Amino acid sequence: MAEIVDARGLSCPEPVLLTLEAIKRLGKGELEILVDTDTSKENVSRAANSMGWQISELIKEESFYRIRIKKD
């Protein structure tokens, strides 16, 4: 099961910083990030890609986005 970073309610750059922190800690595997703004969704996705992680799933829930990223 993927580790979850719940960044709902946080303003940028906090969601990106929390995501990068988890990426560095994990090194590889799967990570799920929860954000509630379009800006955070874009910034987290861009940061993950820049670290070599792939977006495996992007789900729009009722009031937030669920971003799943992975690195083999």
C-alpha atoms as a PDB file:
ATOM      1  CA  MET A   1       0.000   0.000   0.000  1.00  0.00           C
ATOM      2  CA  ALA A   2       1.205   3.465  -0.884  1.00  0.00           C
ATOM      3  CA  GLU A   3       2.230   5.993   1.746  1.00  0.00           C
ATOM      4  CA  ILE A   4      -0.210   8.919   1.890  1.00  0.00           C
ATOM      5  CA  VAL A   5       0.696  12.603   2.106  1.00  0.00           C
ATOM      6  CA  ASP A   6      -2.420  14.533   3.121  1.00  0.00           C
ATOM      7  CA  ALA A   7      -1.776  18.126   2.061  1.00  0.00           C
ATOM      8  CA  ARG A   8      -5.415  19.213   1.943  1.00  0.00           C
ATOM      9  CA  GLY A   9      -5.953  22.666   3.362  1.00  0.00           C
ATOM     10  CA  LEU A  10      -2.306  23.650   2.928  1.00  0.00           C
ATOM     11  CA  SER A  11      -1.100  26.475   0.694  1.00  0.00           C
ATOM     12  CA  CYS A  12       1.784  26.164  -1.734  1.00  0.00           C
ATOM     13  CA  PRO A  13       4.626  25.532  -1.333  1.00  0.00           C
ATOM     14  CA  GLU A  14       3.701  23.248   1.614  1.00  0.00           C
ATOM     15  CA  PRO A  15       2.143  20.409  -0.472  1.00  0.00           C
ATOM     16  CA  VAL A  16       5.217  20.371  -2.734  1.00  0.00           C
ATOM     17  CA  LEU A  17       7.623  20.400   0.219  1.00  0.00           C
ATOM     18  CA  LEU A  18       5.765  17.533   1.938  1.00  0.00           C
ATOM     19  CA  THR A  19       5.765  15.556  -1.323  1.00  0.00           C
ATOM     20  CA  LEU A  20       9.494  16.102  -1.912  1.00  0.00           C
ATOM     21  CA  GLU A  21      10.219  15.116   1.690  1.00  0.00           C
ATOM     22  CA  ALA A  22       8.313  11.829   1.221  1.00  0.00           C
ATOM     23  CA  ILE A  23      10.004  11.187  -2.156  1.00  0.00           C
ATOM     24  CA  LYS A  24      13.444  11.593  -0.593  1.00  0.00           C
ATOM     25  CA  ARG A  25      12.512   9.361   2.344  1.00  0.00           C
ATOM     26  CA  LEU A  26      11.091   6.586   0.138  1.00  0.00           C
ATOM     27  CA  GLY A  27      13.574   6.703  -2.744  1.00  0.00           C
ATOM     28  CA  LYS A  28      11.231   4.549  -4.840  1.00  0.00           C
ATOM     29  CA  GLY A  29       7.860   2.864  -4.655  1.00  0.00           C
ATOM     30  CA  GLU A  30       4.399   4.398  -4.549  1.00  0.00           C
ATOM     31  CA  LEU A  31       3.115   7.562  -2.963  1.00  0.00           C
ATOM     32  CA  GLU A  32      -0.356   9.067  -2.818  1.00  0.00           C
ATOM     33  CA  ILE A  33      -0.771  12.810  -2.348  1.00  0.00           C
ATOM     34  CA  LEU A  34      -4.064  14.477  -1.443  1.00  0.00           C
ATOM     35  CA  VAL A  35      -4.467  18.157  -2.373  1.00  0.00           C
ATOM     36  CA  ASP A  36      -7.489  20.403  -2.659  1.00  0.00           C
ATOM     37  CA  THR A  37      -6.525  23.079  -5.204  1.00  0.00           C
ATOM     38  CA  ASP A  38      -5.698  23.069  -8.905  1.00  0.00           C
ATOM     39  CA  THR A  39      -2.486  24.974  -8.182  1.00  0.00           C
ATOM     40  CA  SER A  40      -1.295  22.373  -5.681  1.00  0.00           C
ATOM     41  CA  LYS A  41      -2.227  19.577  -8.097  1.00  0.00           C
ATOM     42  CA  GLU A  42      -0.131  21.140 -10.868  1.00  0.00           C
ATOM     43  CA  ASN A  43       2.819  22.016  -8.624  1.00  0.00           C
ATOM     44  CA  VAL A  44       2.965  18.601  -6.931  1.00  0.00           C
ATOM     45  CA  SER A  45       2.727  16.819 -10.303  1.00  0.00           C
ATOM     46  CA  ARG A  46       5.509  18.964 -11.761  1.00  0.00           C
ATOM     47  CA  ALA A  47       7.747  18.459  -8.702  1.00  0.00           C
ATOM     48  CA  ALA A  48       7.241  14.674  -8.780  1.00  0.00           C
ATOM     49  CA  ASN A  49       8.087  14.525 -12.493  1.00  0.00           C
ATOM     50  CA  SER A  50      11.216  16.595 -11.945  1.00  0.00           C
ATOM     51  CA  MET A  51      12.386  14.002  -9.388  1.00  0.00           C
ATOM     52  CA  GLY A  52      11.872  11.151 -11.870  1.00  0.00           C
ATOM     53  CA  TRP A  53       8.552   9.925 -10.477  1.00  0.00           C
ATOM     54  CA  GLN A  54       5.648   9.122 -12.809  1.00  0.00           C
ATOM     55  CA  ILE A  55       2.026  10.105 -12.252  1.00  0.00           C
ATOM     56  CA  SER A  56       0.253   6.731 -12.243  1.00  0.00           C
ATOM     57  CA  GLU A  57      -3.206   8.046 -11.418  1.00  0.00           C
ATOM     58  CA  LEU A  58      -4.938  11.393 -10.963  1.00  0.00           C
ATOM     59  CA  ILE A  59      -8.413  11.215  -9.500  1.00  0.00           C
ATOM     60  CA  LYS A  60     -10.738  14.159  -8.944  1.00  0.00           C
ATOM     61  CA  GLU A  61     -12.738  13.418  -5.819  1.00  0.00           C
ATOM     62  CA  GLU A  62     -15.651  15.569  -4.691  1.00  0.00           C
ATOM     63  CA  SER A  63     -13.552  18.196  -2.901  1.00  0.00           C
ATOM     64  CA  PHE A  64      -9.932  17.218  -3.558  1.00  0.00           C
ATOM     65  CA  TYR A  65      -7.474  15.518  -5.899  1.00  0.00           C
ATOM     66  CA  ARG A  66      -5.845  12.145  -5.280  1.00  0.00           C
ATOM     67  CA  ILE A  67      -2.453  12.005  -7.050  1.00  0.00           C
ATOM     68  CA  ARG A  68      -0.708   8.644  -7.185  1.00  0.00           C
ATOM     69  CA  ILE A  69       2.936   8.645  -8.183  1.00  0.00           C
ATOM     70  CA  LYS A  70       5.449   5.841  -8.505  1.00  0.00           C
ATOM     71  CA  LYS A  71       9.082   5.133  -9.220  1.00  0.00           C
ATOM     72  CA  ASP A  72      10.580   1.698  -9.855  1.00  0.00           C
END
